Protein backbone atom coordinates (compact mmCIF):
# COMPACT_ATOMS: atom_id res chain seq x y z
CA MET A 1 104.64 94.18 122.39
CA PRO A 2 106.15 94.28 118.68
CA ASP A 3 109.83 94.52 118.35
CA LYS A 4 110.09 94.97 114.77
CA LEU A 5 109.91 97.86 112.62
CA MET A 6 109.71 97.38 108.71
CA ILE A 7 109.71 100.93 106.52
CA ILE A 8 108.56 100.67 103.24
CA MET A 9 110.07 103.52 100.78
CA VAL A 10 107.60 103.04 97.52
CA ASN A 11 106.32 106.42 96.40
CA THR A 12 108.84 108.35 97.95
CA ASP A 13 110.33 110.63 94.95
CA PRO A 14 114.08 110.49 95.48
CA ASN A 15 114.35 113.92 94.60
CA ASN A 16 112.45 115.48 97.17
CA GLY A 17 114.83 115.50 99.78
CA ALA A 18 112.89 116.63 102.66
CA ALA A 19 110.20 113.55 102.25
CA VAL A 20 113.47 111.40 101.76
CA GLY A 21 115.06 112.31 105.20
CA ALA A 22 112.15 111.15 107.61
CA PRO A 23 111.96 107.88 107.11
CA PHE A 24 115.85 107.22 107.41
CA PHE A 25 116.21 109.48 110.87
CA GLN A 26 113.04 107.44 112.21
CA ALA A 27 114.65 103.89 111.21
CA THR A 28 118.10 105.28 113.05
CA VAL A 29 116.26 106.25 116.04
CA ALA A 30 114.46 102.68 115.90
CA ALA A 31 117.68 101.01 115.90
CA ALA A 32 119.20 103.06 118.48
CA MET A 33 116.31 102.13 120.98
CA ASP A 34 117.44 98.55 120.37
CA TYR A 35 114.39 97.58 117.87
CA SER A 36 115.23 95.45 114.98
CA VAL A 37 114.61 97.69 112.04
CA GLU A 38 114.57 97.22 108.27
CA ILE A 39 113.88 99.43 105.15
CA VAL A 40 112.39 97.93 101.92
CA LEU A 41 113.28 100.28 99.10
CA THR A 42 111.22 99.35 95.91
CA GLY A 43 109.22 101.41 93.78
CA ARG A 44 110.16 105.02 92.68
CA ALA A 45 111.93 104.93 96.31
CA GLY A 46 114.14 102.18 94.98
CA GLU A 47 116.38 104.63 92.86
CA LEU A 48 117.96 105.05 96.13
CA ALA A 49 119.60 101.78 96.20
CA LYS A 50 121.79 102.36 92.83
CA GLN A 51 124.74 103.72 93.23
CA GLY A 52 125.33 107.20 92.49
CA ILE A 53 122.16 108.32 93.28
CA ALA A 54 121.36 108.85 96.86
CA GLU A 55 125.14 110.32 97.14
CA LYS A 56 123.90 113.07 94.89
CA LEU A 57 120.57 114.37 96.78
CA HIS A 58 120.35 116.66 99.81
CA LEU A 59 117.86 117.01 102.28
CA GLN A 60 117.85 120.83 101.34
CA GLU A 61 119.76 123.21 99.69
CA GLY A 62 122.62 124.18 101.14
CA ASN A 63 123.07 121.38 103.66
CA PRO A 64 126.33 119.52 103.06
CA LYS A 65 125.02 116.06 104.30
CA THR A 66 123.77 113.67 101.60
CA VAL A 67 120.79 111.31 101.59
CA TYR A 68 123.40 108.47 101.22
CA ASP A 69 124.78 109.79 104.69
CA PHE A 70 121.78 109.49 106.05
CA ILE A 71 121.82 105.90 104.36
CA LYS A 72 125.14 105.10 106.03
CA GLU A 73 124.21 106.46 109.74
CA ALA A 74 121.11 104.34 109.41
CA HIS A 75 122.92 101.25 108.41
CA ASP A 76 125.99 101.86 111.28
CA ALA A 77 123.05 102.28 113.92
CA GLY A 78 121.80 98.43 112.70
CA VAL A 79 119.23 99.34 110.29
CA VAL A 80 119.17 96.46 107.47
CA PHE A 81 118.11 97.40 104.03
CA LYS A 82 116.57 95.40 101.48
CA VAL A 83 115.51 95.93 97.69
CA CYS A 84 112.91 94.16 95.90
CA THR A 85 113.50 92.09 93.08
CA PRO A 86 111.53 94.21 90.68
CA THR A 87 113.07 97.17 91.69
CA ILE A 88 116.51 95.56 90.34
CA GLU A 89 114.91 94.79 87.17
CA LEU A 90 113.68 98.38 86.95
CA TRP A 91 116.91 100.62 88.18
CA GLY A 92 119.70 97.87 87.56
CA ASP A 93 121.57 95.97 89.50
CA ASP A 94 124.90 98.19 90.56
CA LEU A 95 123.59 98.53 94.30
CA ILE A 96 125.13 100.64 96.96
CA PRO A 97 126.93 98.22 99.96
CA GLU A 98 124.61 99.12 102.30
CA ILE A 99 121.72 96.76 100.71
CA ASP A 100 122.06 93.47 102.96
CA GLU A 101 119.49 91.38 100.86
CA THR A 102 117.01 91.33 97.70
CA ILE A 103 113.67 89.87 98.55
CA GLY A 104 110.40 89.70 96.85
CA ALA A 105 106.73 90.76 97.42
CA ALA A 106 105.64 87.36 99.72
CA TYR A 107 108.60 88.50 102.32
CA VAL A 108 106.93 92.07 102.22
CA ILE A 109 103.51 90.76 102.72
CA SER A 110 104.66 88.06 105.48
CA GLU A 111 106.46 90.64 107.36
CA ALA A 112 103.70 93.24 107.32
CA MET A 113 101.03 90.91 108.71
CA ASN A 114 103.51 89.38 111.37
CA ASP A 115 102.01 90.57 115.10
CA GLN A 116 105.53 91.38 116.39
CA THR A 117 105.86 93.91 113.22
CA VAL A 118 104.59 97.16 112.78
CA THR A 119 104.93 98.74 109.08
CA PHE A 120 105.32 102.15 108.19
CA THR A 121 105.11 103.12 104.15
CA TYR A 122 106.60 106.46 102.70
């Protein structure tokens, strides 16, 4: 049975709060269940790794909780956040402190192909 969950956020539009919430919530729950969990931010969703972006976004209008609050909760629960190198080239290197590591495509492919890893994409 796999013991790791890798969530790849690539196509999620950071401006769509309703779409952004689910991956962070699922990651937090999986970490609370003692799974090893990592979120890879890349492509369009990689903008969430940039300082000042997630802090301004809300899952829904009127909700005081920001997307960044969900990122911090997931990180506090043990979720490891990674960003792909091309994401830094696209959005810049002023990253939120929750980003634990910069990775490349080879890492994503090798982990996704690992029998001990379940991969979700958003």
